[in-house]
């Protein structure tokens, strides 16, 4: 796919009007055009009252792949009147293991004198896309990621 090239974004404050006072949004859609022309779409919402929902979906010419799991456990309760399952209520619970592994990798890299798996360049690339998305949402115009210093 290559690097992100152009970002389009729209958003609004639909559920939590108090966010307007700090210039923030509760819902947004970001479209990313990559260097090779492929497209990415990011849907963001703070309205997931049913639990912490995060997933990735890849759509291709030969099929689709969905990554993500709203449930904390594989338990599913089925009765005559309903089907129910638990949810992951908060991002810290969902990603605690990932945060621990990332911190451990960083500490191991420092002790071994090697670069960590996730580099500052990775972080800067994501930050540039986020800034481009913010600018695109504010301006209503697409923003070239390369224009973000």
Foldseek 3Di string as FASTA:
>chain_A
DAAWWKKAKAFAADPDVVVVVVPDGAWMKMWTQHPVRDIDIDTGHPPPPQADWDWDKDDDPVGIDIGTDQAPDPDWDDDPVDIDGHGHHDVCVVCVVVVVVQVVQCVVCVVVVHAGPQHVVNVVSVVLNVVQRVVNHVVVHMGTSVVRD
